[in-house]
Amino acid sequence: MKRIAVLVEIDYGSEVVSYERRGLLIDDNHAAYVEGDSIRMVAVKPTGIPNLYAEEGAFLPIGRIEREEDTDTVIDGIIGKLRGMNGYEFFTRYILTNREIDAEFDLITEDAL
């Protein structure tokens, strides 16, 4: 994974606040960065400035971190675990056991019926 800066923009309606967070580029379209003690995974797009990517859409919290110096190691470990799972394992291990989230999946298409 490559170290990058993630440009985060928050639209408050009357104003847009922008700031950068140090992050890791997971693949061409996804990155992870730390906000407080939360590790966030986001879709990103290049900005045209080397090593600066803009956040696209919402973030997904994928873990917590206690010490900032462990960021790269923790993110690498989490992404490694996610890459090693299939969809069923992820769904049963993390989605079905979490009572604090509502998840909607559009898994059944008309072709499957």
C-alpha atoms as a PDB file:
ATOM      1  CA  MET A   1       0.000   0.000   0.000  1.00  0.00           C
ATOM      2  CA  LYS A   2       1.121   3.517  -0.786  1.00  0.00           C
ATOM      3  CA  ARG A   3       1.032   6.488   1.588  1.00  0.00           C
ATOM      4  CA  ILE A   4      -1.176   9.303   0.313  1.00  0.00           C
ATOM      5  CA  ALA A   5      -3.174  12.286   1.511  1.00  0.00           C
ATOM      6  CA  VAL A   6      -6.972  12.033   1.413  1.00  0.00           C
ATOM      7  CA  LEU A   7      -8.895  15.243   0.793  1.00  0.00           C
ATOM      8  CA  VAL A   8     -12.024  15.150   2.941  1.00  0.00           C
ATOM      9  CA  GLU A   9     -14.864  17.603   2.272  1.00  0.00           C
ATOM     10  CA  ILE A  10     -17.833  18.162   4.547  1.00  0.00           C
ATOM     11  CA  ASP A  11     -20.797  20.063   3.106  1.00  0.00           C
ATOM     12  CA  TYR A  12     -22.660  21.955   5.819  1.00  0.00           C
ATOM     13  CA  GLY A  13     -25.094  23.513   3.350  1.00  0.00           C
ATOM     14  CA  SER A  14     -23.954  27.088   3.827  1.00  0.00           C
ATOM     15  CA  GLU A  15     -20.259  26.191   3.592  1.00  0.00           C
ATOM     16  CA  VAL A  16     -17.944  23.345   2.583  1.00  0.00           C
ATOM     17  CA  VAL A  17     -15.061  22.525   4.895  1.00  0.00           C
ATOM     18  CA  SER A  18     -12.050  20.724   3.399  1.00  0.00           C
ATOM     19  CA  TYR A  19      -9.092  19.134   5.138  1.00  0.00           C
ATOM     20  CA  GLU A  20      -6.482  16.456   4.468  1.00  0.00           C
ATOM     21  CA  ARG A  21      -5.797  13.232   6.336  1.00  0.00           C
ATOM     22  CA  ARG A  22      -2.776  10.982   5.927  1.00  0.00           C
ATOM     23  CA  GLY A  23      -3.911   7.672   4.510  1.00  0.00           C
ATOM     24  CA  LEU A  24      -3.006   4.531   2.631  1.00  0.00           C
ATOM     25  CA  LEU A  25      -4.060   3.796  -0.938  1.00  0.00           C
ATOM     26  CA  ILE A  26      -5.456   0.256  -0.865  1.00  0.00           C
ATOM     27  CA  ASP A  27      -6.010  -0.005  -4.628  1.00  0.00           C
ATOM     28  CA  ASP A  28      -6.599   2.477  -7.449  1.00  0.00           C
ATOM     29  CA  ASN A  29     -10.045   3.462  -6.107  1.00  0.00           C
ATOM     30  CA  HIS A  30      -9.976   2.901  -2.330  1.00  0.00           C
ATOM     31  CA  ALA A  31      -8.067   4.265   0.641  1.00  0.00           C
ATOM     32  CA  ALA A  32      -8.080   4.124   4.420  1.00  0.00           C
ATOM     33  CA  TYR A  33      -7.332   6.923   6.874  1.00  0.00           C
ATOM     34  CA  VAL A  34      -7.724   7.651  10.585  1.00  0.00           C
ATOM     35  CA  GLU A  35     -10.224  10.147  11.975  1.00  0.00           C
ATOM     36  CA  GLY A  36      -9.924  10.362  15.756  1.00  0.00           C
ATOM     37  CA  ASP A  37      -9.564   6.721  16.798  1.00  0.00           C
ATOM     38  CA  SER A  38     -11.639   5.378  13.887  1.00  0.00           C
ATOM     39  CA  ILE A  39     -10.133   3.817  10.771  1.00  0.00           C
ATOM     40  CA  ARG A  40     -12.239   4.778   7.766  1.00  0.00           C
ATOM     41  CA  MET A  41     -12.304   3.112   4.363  1.00  0.00           C
ATOM     42  CA  VAL A  42     -13.416   5.284   1.438  1.00  0.00           C
ATOM     43  CA  ALA A  43     -13.689   5.348  -2.312  1.00  0.00           C
ATOM     44  CA  VAL A  44     -11.238   7.892  -3.732  1.00  0.00           C
ATOM     45  CA  LYS A  45     -10.299   9.497  -7.024  1.00  0.00           C
ATOM     46  CA  PRO A  46      -7.038  11.163  -8.061  1.00  0.00           C
ATOM     47  CA  THR A  47      -7.010  14.961  -7.904  1.00  0.00           C
ATOM     48  CA  GLY A  48      -4.254  15.536 -10.450  1.00  0.00           C
ATOM     49  CA  ILE A  49      -1.843  16.461  -7.644  1.00  0.00           C
ATOM     50  CA  PRO A  50       0.652  13.643  -6.944  1.00  0.00           C
ATOM     51  CA  ASN A  51      -0.308  11.524  -3.912  1.00  0.00           C
ATOM     52  CA  LEU A  52      -3.483  13.542  -3.195  1.00  0.00           C
ATOM     53  CA  TYR A  53      -6.808  11.748  -3.600  1.00  0.00           C
ATOM     54  CA  ALA A  54     -10.310  13.116  -3.023  1.00  0.00           C
ATOM     55  CA  GLU A  55     -12.824  11.162  -0.963  1.00  0.00           C
ATOM     56  CA  GLU A  56     -15.900  10.111  -2.983  1.00  0.00           C
ATOM     57  CA  GLY A  57     -19.140   9.320  -1.180  1.00  0.00           C
ATOM     58  CA  ALA A  58     -19.488   8.068   2.362  1.00  0.00           C
ATOM     59  CA  PHE A  59     -16.886   6.369   4.534  1.00  0.00           C
ATOM     60  CA  LEU A  60     -17.147   2.999   6.252  1.00  0.00           C
ATOM     61  CA  PRO A  61     -15.565   2.561   9.703  1.00  0.00           C
ATOM     62  CA  ILE A  62     -13.504  -0.643   9.553  1.00  0.00           C
ATOM     63  CA  GLY A  63     -11.691  -0.545  12.896  1.00  0.00           C
ATOM     64  CA  ARG A  64     -10.278   1.456  15.770  1.00  0.00           C
ATOM     65  CA  ILE A  65      -6.743   2.468  16.610  1.00  0.00           C
ATOM     66  CA  GLU A  66      -5.171   3.402  19.918  1.00  0.00           C
ATOM     67  CA  ARG A  67      -1.740   4.640  18.804  1.00  0.00           C
ATOM     68  CA  GLU A  68      -1.239   6.692  15.652  1.00  0.00           C
ATOM     69  CA  GLU A  69       2.179   5.148  15.037  1.00  0.00           C
ATOM     70  CA  ASP A  70       0.465   1.756  14.507  1.00  0.00           C
ATOM     71  CA  THR A  71      -1.784   3.073  11.707  1.00  0.00           C
ATOM     72  CA  ASP A  72      -0.048   1.456   8.720  1.00  0.00           C
ATOM     73  CA  THR A  73       0.287  -1.937  10.425  1.00  0.00           C
ATOM     74  CA  VAL A  74      -3.319  -1.991  11.659  1.00  0.00           C
ATOM     75  CA  ILE A  75      -4.781  -0.917   8.300  1.00  0.00           C
ATOM     76  CA  ASP A  76      -2.638  -3.478   6.477  1.00  0.00           C
ATOM     77  CA  GLY A  77      -3.886  -6.206   8.850  1.00  0.00           C
ATOM     78  CA  ILE A  78      -7.549  -5.262   8.470  1.00  0.00           C
ATOM     79  CA  ILE A  79      -7.348  -5.094   4.667  1.00  0.00           C
ATOM     80  CA  GLY A  80      -5.532  -8.434   4.611  1.00  0.00           C
ATOM     81  CA  LYS A  81      -8.345 -10.035   6.626  1.00  0.00           C
ATOM     82  CA  LEU A  82     -11.040  -8.520   4.400  1.00  0.00           C
ATOM     83  CA  ARG A  83      -9.279  -9.691   1.230  1.00  0.00           C
ATOM     84  CA  GLY A  84      -9.052 -13.194   2.673  1.00  0.00           C
ATOM     85  CA  MET A  85     -12.828 -13.473   3.286  1.00  0.00           C
ATOM     86  CA  ASN A  86     -15.569 -14.357   0.904  1.00  0.00           C
ATOM     87  CA  GLY A  87     -18.852 -12.430   0.915  1.00  0.00           C
ATOM     88  CA  TYR A  88     -20.708 -15.066   2.936  1.00  0.00           C
ATOM     89  CA  GLU A  89     -18.083 -15.114   5.673  1.00  0.00           C
ATOM     90  CA  PHE A  90     -18.068 -11.301   5.898  1.00  0.00           C
ATOM     91  CA  PHE A  91     -21.861 -11.199   6.045  1.00  0.00           C
ATOM     92  CA  THR A  92     -22.224 -13.860   8.752  1.00  0.00           C
ATOM     93  CA  ARG A  93     -19.261 -12.764  10.860  1.00  0.00           C
ATOM     94  CA  TYR A  94     -19.712  -9.001  10.833  1.00  0.00           C
ATOM     95  CA  ILE A  95     -23.099  -7.949   9.512  1.00  0.00           C
ATOM     96  CA  LEU A  96     -25.386 -10.498  11.182  1.00  0.00           C
ATOM     97  CA  THR A  97     -23.641 -10.186  14.538  1.00  0.00           C
ATOM     98  CA  ASN A  98     -23.753  -6.368  14.676  1.00  0.00           C
ATOM     99  CA  ARG A  99     -27.010  -5.168  16.199  1.00  0.00           C
ATOM    100  CA  GLU A 100     -26.041  -1.490  15.867  1.00  0.00           C
ATOM    101  CA  ILE A 101     -26.280  -1.216  12.082  1.00  0.00           C
ATOM    102  CA  ASP A 102     -28.979  -1.556   9.487  1.00  0.00           C
ATOM    103  CA  ALA A 103     -27.596  -2.989   6.265  1.00  0.00           C
ATOM    104  CA  GLU A 104     -29.477  -3.251   3.014  1.00  0.00           C
ATOM    105  CA  PHE A 105     -28.225  -5.518   0.267  1.00  0.00           C
ATOM    106  CA  ASP A 106     -29.618  -5.848  -3.224  1.00  0.00           C
ATOM    107  CA  LEU A 107     -28.368  -9.386  -3.802  1.00  0.00           C
ATOM    108  CA  ILE A 108     -31.255 -10.932  -5.702  1.00  0.00           C
ATOM    109  CA  THR A 109     -31.672  -9.804  -9.279  1.00  0.00           C
ATOM    110  CA  GLU A 110     -34.587 -10.530 -11.593  1.00  0.00           C
ATOM    111  CA  ASP A 111     -32.276 -12.883 -13.518  1.00  0.00           C
ATOM    112  CA  ALA A 112     -31.933 -15.063 -10.412  1.00  0.00           C
ATOM    113  CA  LEU A 113     -35.703 -15.509  -9.999  1.00  0.00           C
END
